[in-house]
Amino acid sequence: MPKQTTKQSGDVGEEIARRFLREKGLELVDLNYRYGHGEIDIIAKDGEVLVFCEVKMRKGDSYGDPEYAITARKQKQIRRIAQAYLYQHAIDNQACRFDVVAIRMKGITPQINYIKNAF
Protein backbone atom coordinates (compact mmCIF):
# COMPACT_ATOMS: atom_id res chain seq x y z
CA MET A 1 0.00 0.00 0.00
CA PRO A 2 1.56 3.32 -1.04
CA LYS A 3 2.33 5.86 1.65
CA GLN A 4 -0.05 8.85 1.87
CA THR A 5 1.27 12.26 0.89
CA THR A 6 1.08 15.10 3.39
CA LYS A 7 -1.80 16.57 1.36
CA GLN A 8 -3.74 13.27 1.41
CA SER A 9 -3.13 12.90 5.14
CA GLY A 10 -4.29 16.49 5.68
CA ASP A 11 -7.44 15.84 3.67
CA VAL A 12 -8.22 12.82 5.86
CA GLY A 13 -7.69 14.92 9.00
CA GLU A 14 -9.94 17.69 7.70
CA GLU A 15 -12.71 15.21 6.89
CA ILE A 16 -12.48 13.78 10.42
CA ALA A 17 -12.62 17.33 11.81
CA ARG A 18 -15.61 18.30 9.64
CA ARG A 19 -17.61 15.28 10.85
CA PHE A 20 -16.60 15.99 14.44
CA LEU A 21 -17.64 19.67 14.26
CA ARG A 22 -20.99 18.81 12.63
CA GLU A 23 -21.62 16.30 15.44
CA LYS A 24 -20.90 19.12 17.91
CA GLY A 25 -23.64 21.17 16.22
CA LEU A 26 -21.50 23.59 14.23
CA GLU A 27 -22.65 24.63 10.76
CA LEU A 28 -19.86 24.52 8.19
CA VAL A 29 -19.70 27.75 6.20
CA ASP A 30 -16.50 27.53 4.14
CA LEU A 31 -13.68 25.04 3.65
CA ASN A 32 -10.03 25.64 2.78
CA TYR A 33 -10.37 29.42 2.48
CA ARG A 34 -7.18 30.68 0.87
CA TYR A 35 -5.67 34.13 1.12
CA GLY A 36 -2.13 34.91 0.06
CA HIS A 37 0.09 32.00 0.99
CA GLY A 38 -2.13 30.72 3.78
CA GLU A 39 -5.35 28.91 4.38
CA ILE A 40 -7.97 28.46 7.05
CA ASP A 41 -9.08 24.84 7.07
CA ILE A 42 -12.67 25.26 8.27
CA ILE A 43 -14.94 28.25 8.82
CA ALA A 44 -18.10 27.43 10.74
CA LYS A 45 -20.92 28.96 12.77
CA ASP A 46 -21.44 27.95 16.39
CA GLY A 47 -24.73 29.66 17.11
CA GLU A 48 -24.01 33.34 16.50
CA VAL A 49 -20.22 32.95 16.64
CA LEU A 50 -18.10 32.64 13.50
CA VAL A 51 -15.41 30.02 14.10
CA PHE A 52 -12.09 29.90 12.26
CA CYS A 53 -10.78 26.39 12.79
CA GLU A 54 -7.28 25.02 12.26
CA VAL A 55 -6.92 21.26 11.87
CA LYS A 56 -3.69 19.42 12.70
CA MET A 57 -3.22 15.67 12.47
CA ARG A 58 -0.36 13.40 13.48
CA LYS A 59 -0.01 9.70 12.75
CA GLY A 60 2.64 9.03 15.35
CA ASP A 61 4.49 10.45 18.32
CA SER A 62 7.64 11.54 16.45
CA TYR A 63 6.70 15.20 16.22
CA GLY A 64 4.74 15.57 19.46
CA ASP A 65 1.14 16.57 19.95
CA PRO A 66 -0.41 18.08 16.81
CA GLU A 67 -1.74 21.20 18.56
CA TYR A 68 1.84 22.31 19.33
CA ALA A 69 2.46 22.73 15.60
CA ILE A 70 0.30 25.86 15.71
CA THR A 71 3.05 28.31 16.56
CA ALA A 72 2.68 32.01 17.35
CA ARG A 73 3.65 32.72 13.74
CA LYS A 74 0.93 30.36 12.44
CA GLN A 75 -1.62 31.96 14.79
CA LYS A 76 -0.72 35.40 13.41
CA GLN A 77 -1.14 34.11 9.86
CA ILE A 78 -4.56 32.60 10.67
CA ARG A 79 -5.71 35.89 12.24
CA ARG A 80 -4.61 37.80 9.12
CA ILE A 81 -6.48 35.39 6.85
CA ALA A 82 -9.58 35.64 9.08
CA GLN A 83 -9.46 39.45 8.76
CA ALA A 84 -9.31 39.08 4.98
CA TYR A 85 -12.30 36.71 5.07
CA LEU A 86 -14.34 39.19 7.12
CA TYR A 87 -13.38 42.03 4.78
CA GLN A 88 -14.06 40.08 1.55
CA HIS A 89 -17.46 38.98 2.84
CA ALA A 90 -18.37 42.44 4.23
CA ILE A 91 -18.88 41.02 7.72
CA ASP A 92 -18.93 43.61 10.53
CA ASN A 93 -19.62 43.37 14.25
CA GLN A 94 -19.35 39.59 14.24
CA ALA A 95 -18.30 37.60 17.28
CA CYS A 96 -15.44 35.33 16.20
CA ARG A 97 -13.17 32.76 17.77
CA PHE A 98 -10.28 30.55 16.75
CA ASP A 99 -10.58 26.82 17.47
CA VAL A 100 -8.20 23.93 16.95
CA VAL A 101 -9.05 20.34 16.15
CA ALA A 102 -5.95 18.27 16.94
CA ILE A 103 -6.13 14.69 15.73
CA ARG A 104 -3.78 11.89 16.67
CA MET A 105 -4.25 8.61 14.86
CA LYS A 106 -3.89 5.49 16.98
CA GLY A 107 -4.18 2.77 14.38
CA ILE A 108 -7.42 3.55 12.57
CA THR A 109 -9.00 5.32 15.55
CA PRO A 110 -8.66 9.10 15.74
CA GLN A 111 -8.13 10.68 19.15
CA ILE A 112 -9.47 14.23 18.96
CA ASN A 113 -8.50 17.14 21.16
CA TYR A 114 -10.92 19.99 20.47
CA ILE A 115 -9.72 23.33 21.77
CA LYS A 116 -12.35 26.07 21.67
CA ASN A 117 -11.02 29.63 21.68
CA ALA A 118 -7.49 28.26 21.35
CA PHE A 119 -5.85 31.64 20.69
C-alpha atoms as a PDB file:
ATOM      1  CA  MET A   1       0.000   0.000   0.000  1.00  0.00           C
ATOM      2  CA  PRO A   2       1.561   3.325  -1.037  1.00  0.00           C
ATOM      3  CA  LYS A   3       2.328   5.864   1.651  1.00  0.00           C
ATOM      4  CA  GLN A   4      -0.046   8.855   1.871  1.00  0.00           C
ATOM      5  CA  THR A   5       1.271  12.255   0.890  1.00  0.00           C
ATOM      6  CA  THR A   6       1.076  15.103   3.392  1.00  0.00           C
ATOM      7  CA  LYS A   7      -1.803  16.566   1.358  1.00  0.00           C
ATOM      8  CA  GLN A   8      -3.736  13.265   1.412  1.00  0.00           C
ATOM      9  CA  SER A   9      -3.129  12.901   5.138  1.00  0.00           C
ATOM     10  CA  GLY A  10      -4.286  16.490   5.684  1.00  0.00           C
ATOM     11  CA  ASP A  11      -7.442  15.837   3.668  1.00  0.00           C
ATOM     12  CA  VAL A  12      -8.219  12.822   5.863  1.00  0.00           C
ATOM     13  CA  GLY A  13      -7.690  14.920   8.996  1.00  0.00           C
ATOM     14  CA  GLU A  14      -9.936  17.688   7.702  1.00  0.00           C
ATOM     15  CA  GLU A  15     -12.712  15.208   6.891  1.00  0.00           C
ATOM     16  CA  ILE A  16     -12.481  13.778  10.417  1.00  0.00           C
ATOM     17  CA  ALA A  17     -12.620  17.332  11.808  1.00  0.00           C
ATOM     18  CA  ARG A  18     -15.614  18.300   9.643  1.00  0.00           C
ATOM     19  CA  ARG A  19     -17.610  15.279  10.845  1.00  0.00           C
ATOM     20  CA  PHE A  20     -16.599  15.993  14.444  1.00  0.00           C
ATOM     21  CA  LEU A  21     -17.637  19.668  14.263  1.00  0.00           C
ATOM     22  CA  ARG A  22     -20.995  18.810  12.635  1.00  0.00           C
ATOM     23  CA  GLU A  23     -21.620  16.296  15.436  1.00  0.00           C
ATOM     24  CA  LYS A  24     -20.897  19.117  17.912  1.00  0.00           C
ATOM     25  CA  GLY A  25     -23.639  21.172  16.219  1.00  0.00           C
ATOM     26  CA  LEU A  26     -21.504  23.591  14.227  1.00  0.00           C
ATOM     27  CA  GLU A  27     -22.653  24.628  10.762  1.00  0.00           C
ATOM     28  CA  LEU A  28     -19.863  24.522   8.188  1.00  0.00           C
ATOM     29  CA  VAL A  29     -19.702  27.752   6.202  1.00  0.00           C
ATOM     30  CA  ASP A  30     -16.504  27.527   4.142  1.00  0.00           C
ATOM     31  CA  LEU A  31     -13.679  25.040   3.655  1.00  0.00           C
ATOM     32  CA  ASN A  32     -10.033  25.636   2.778  1.00  0.00           C
ATOM     33  CA  TYR A  33     -10.373  29.424   2.485  1.00  0.00           C
ATOM     34  CA  ARG A  34      -7.180  30.679   0.867  1.00  0.00           C
ATOM     35  CA  TYR A  35      -5.672  34.127   1.124  1.00  0.00           C
ATOM     36  CA  GLY A  36      -2.126  34.915   0.055  1.00  0.00           C
ATOM     37  CA  HIS A  37       0.095  32.001   0.987  1.00  0.00           C
ATOM     38  CA  GLY A  38      -2.129  30.720   3.776  1.00  0.00           C
ATOM     39  CA  GLU A  39      -5.347  28.911   4.378  1.00  0.00           C
ATOM     40  CA  ILE A  40      -7.973  28.460   7.052  1.00  0.00           C
ATOM     41  CA  ASP A  41      -9.083  24.841   7.068  1.00  0.00           C
ATOM     42  CA  ILE A  42     -12.671  25.258   8.266  1.00  0.00           C
ATOM     43  CA  ILE A  43     -14.939  28.253   8.824  1.00  0.00           C
ATOM     44  CA  ALA A  44     -18.100  27.431  10.740  1.00  0.00           C
ATOM     45  CA  LYS A  45     -20.915  28.956  12.773  1.00  0.00           C
ATOM     46  CA  ASP A  46     -21.441  27.951  16.389  1.00  0.00           C
ATOM     47  CA  GLY A  47     -24.732  29.656  17.115  1.00  0.00           C
ATOM     48  CA  GLU A  48     -24.014  33.342  16.496  1.00  0.00           C
ATOM     49  CA  VAL A  49     -20.217  32.952  16.641  1.00  0.00           C
ATOM     50  CA  LEU A  50     -18.096  32.640  13.503  1.00  0.00           C
ATOM     51  CA  VAL A  51     -15.407  30.024  14.100  1.00  0.00           C
ATOM     52  CA  PHE A  52     -12.087  29.896  12.255  1.00  0.00           C
ATOM     53  CA  CYS A  53     -10.781  26.385  12.788  1.00  0.00           C
ATOM     54  CA  GLU A  54      -7.281  25.016  12.257  1.00  0.00           C
ATOM     55  CA  VAL A  55      -6.915  21.257  11.868  1.00  0.00           C
ATOM     56  CA  LYS A  56      -3.695  19.418  12.704  1.00  0.00           C
ATOM     57  CA  MET A  57      -3.220  15.673  12.471  1.00  0.00           C
ATOM     58  CA  ARG A  58      -0.356  13.400  13.475  1.00  0.00           C
ATOM     59  CA  LYS A  59      -0.007   9.699  12.752  1.00  0.00           C
ATOM     60  CA  GLY A  60       2.642   9.032  15.354  1.00  0.00           C
ATOM     61  CA  ASP A  61       4.495  10.450  18.316  1.00  0.00           C
ATOM     62  CA  SER A  62       7.642  11.535  16.451  1.00  0.00           C
ATOM     63  CA  TYR A  63       6.702  15.203  16.222  1.00  0.00           C
ATOM     64  CA  GLY A  64       4.743  15.572  19.457  1.00  0.00           C
ATOM     65  CA  ASP A  65       1.136  16.569  19.950  1.00  0.00           C
ATOM     66  CA  PRO A  66      -0.411  18.082  16.811  1.00  0.00           C
ATOM     67  CA  GLU A  67      -1.737  21.201  18.564  1.00  0.00           C
ATOM     68  CA  TYR A  68       1.835  22.307  19.334  1.00  0.00           C
ATOM     69  CA  ALA A  69       2.463  22.725  15.602  1.00  0.00           C
ATOM     70  CA  ILE A  70       0.302  25.861  15.709  1.00  0.00           C
ATOM     71  CA  THR A  71       3.045  28.308  16.564  1.00  0.00           C
ATOM     72  CA  ALA A  72       2.679  32.015  17.350  1.00  0.00           C
ATOM     73  CA  ARG A  73       3.653  32.720  13.738  1.00  0.00           C
ATOM     74  CA  LYS A  74       0.933  30.358  12.441  1.00  0.00           C
ATOM     75  CA  GLN A  75      -1.623  31.961  14.785  1.00  0.00           C
ATOM     76  CA  LYS A  76      -0.716  35.400  13.408  1.00  0.00           C
ATOM     77  CA  GLN A  77      -1.145  34.110   9.857  1.00  0.00           C
ATOM     78  CA  ILE A  78      -4.557  32.601  10.668  1.00  0.00           C
ATOM     79  CA  ARG A  79      -5.709  35.889  12.240  1.00  0.00           C
ATOM     80  CA  ARG A  80      -4.606  37.800   9.123  1.00  0.00           C
ATOM     81  CA  ILE A  81      -6.479  35.389   6.850  1.00  0.00           C
ATOM     82  CA  ALA A  82      -9.581  35.641   9.079  1.00  0.00           C
ATOM     83  CA  GLN A  83      -9.461  39.445   8.764  1.00  0.00           C
ATOM     84  CA  ALA A  84      -9.314  39.076   4.981  1.00  0.00           C
ATOM     85  CA  TYR A  85     -12.299  36.708   5.074  1.00  0.00           C
ATOM     86  CA  LEU A  86     -14.344  39.186   7.118  1.00  0.00           C
ATOM     87  CA  TYR A  87     -13.381  42.030   4.776  1.00  0.00           C
ATOM     88  CA  GLN A  88     -14.062  40.083   1.555  1.00  0.00           C
ATOM     89  CA  HIS A  89     -17.460  38.977   2.840  1.00  0.00           C
ATOM     90  CA  ALA A  90     -18.365  42.438   4.231  1.00  0.00           C
ATOM     91  CA  ILE A  91     -18.878  41.021   7.722  1.00  0.00           C
ATOM     92  CA  ASP A  92     -18.932  43.608  10.533  1.00  0.00           C
ATOM     93  CA  ASN A  93     -19.624  43.370  14.250  1.00  0.00           C
ATOM     94  CA  GLN A  94     -19.345  39.589  14.243  1.00  0.00           C
ATOM     95  CA  ALA A  95     -18.301  37.596  17.282  1.00  0.00           C
ATOM     96  CA  CYS A  96     -15.435  35.326  16.202  1.00  0.00           C
ATOM     97  CA  ARG A  97     -13.166  32.763  17.770  1.00  0.00           C
ATOM     98  CA  PHE A  98     -10.276  30.546  16.752  1.00  0.00           C
ATOM     99  CA  ASP A  99     -10.581  26.824  17.467  1.00  0.00           C
ATOM    100  CA  VAL A 100      -8.197  23.934  16.946  1.00  0.00           C
ATOM    101  CA  VAL A 101      -9.046  20.336  16.145  1.00  0.00           C
ATOM    102  CA  ALA A 102      -5.948  18.272  16.943  1.00  0.00           C
ATOM    103  CA  ILE A 103      -6.126  14.688  15.734  1.00  0.00           C
ATOM    104  CA  ARG A 104      -3.775  11.891  16.668  1.00  0.00           C
ATOM    105  CA  MET A 105      -4.254   8.612  14.862  1.00  0.00           C
ATOM    106  CA  LYS A 106      -3.894   5.493  16.980  1.00  0.00           C
ATOM    107  CA  GLY A 107      -4.177   2.768  14.378  1.00  0.00           C
ATOM    108  CA  ILE A 108      -7.425   3.554  12.569  1.00  0.00           C
ATOM    109  CA  THR A 109      -8.999   5.317  15.553  1.00  0.00           C
ATOM    110  CA  PRO A 110      -8.656   9.105  15.738  1.00  0.00           C
ATOM    111  CA  GLN A 111      -8.135  10.679  19.147  1.00  0.00           C
ATOM    112  CA  ILE A 112      -9.470  14.229  18.957  1.00  0.00           C
ATOM    113  CA  ASN A 113      -8.496  17.136  21.163  1.00  0.00           C
ATOM    114  CA  TYR A 114     -10.922  19.993  20.468  1.00  0.00           C
ATOM    115  CA  ILE A 115      -9.718  23.329  21.765  1.00  0.00           C
ATOM    116  CA  LYS A 116     -12.346  26.072  21.669  1.00  0.00           C
ATOM    117  CA  ASN A 117     -11.018  29.629  21.682  1.00  0.00           C
ATOM    118  CA  ALA A 118      -7.488  28.257  21.348  1.00  0.00           C
ATOM    119  CA  PHE A 119      -5.851  31.640  20.693  1.00  0.00           C
END
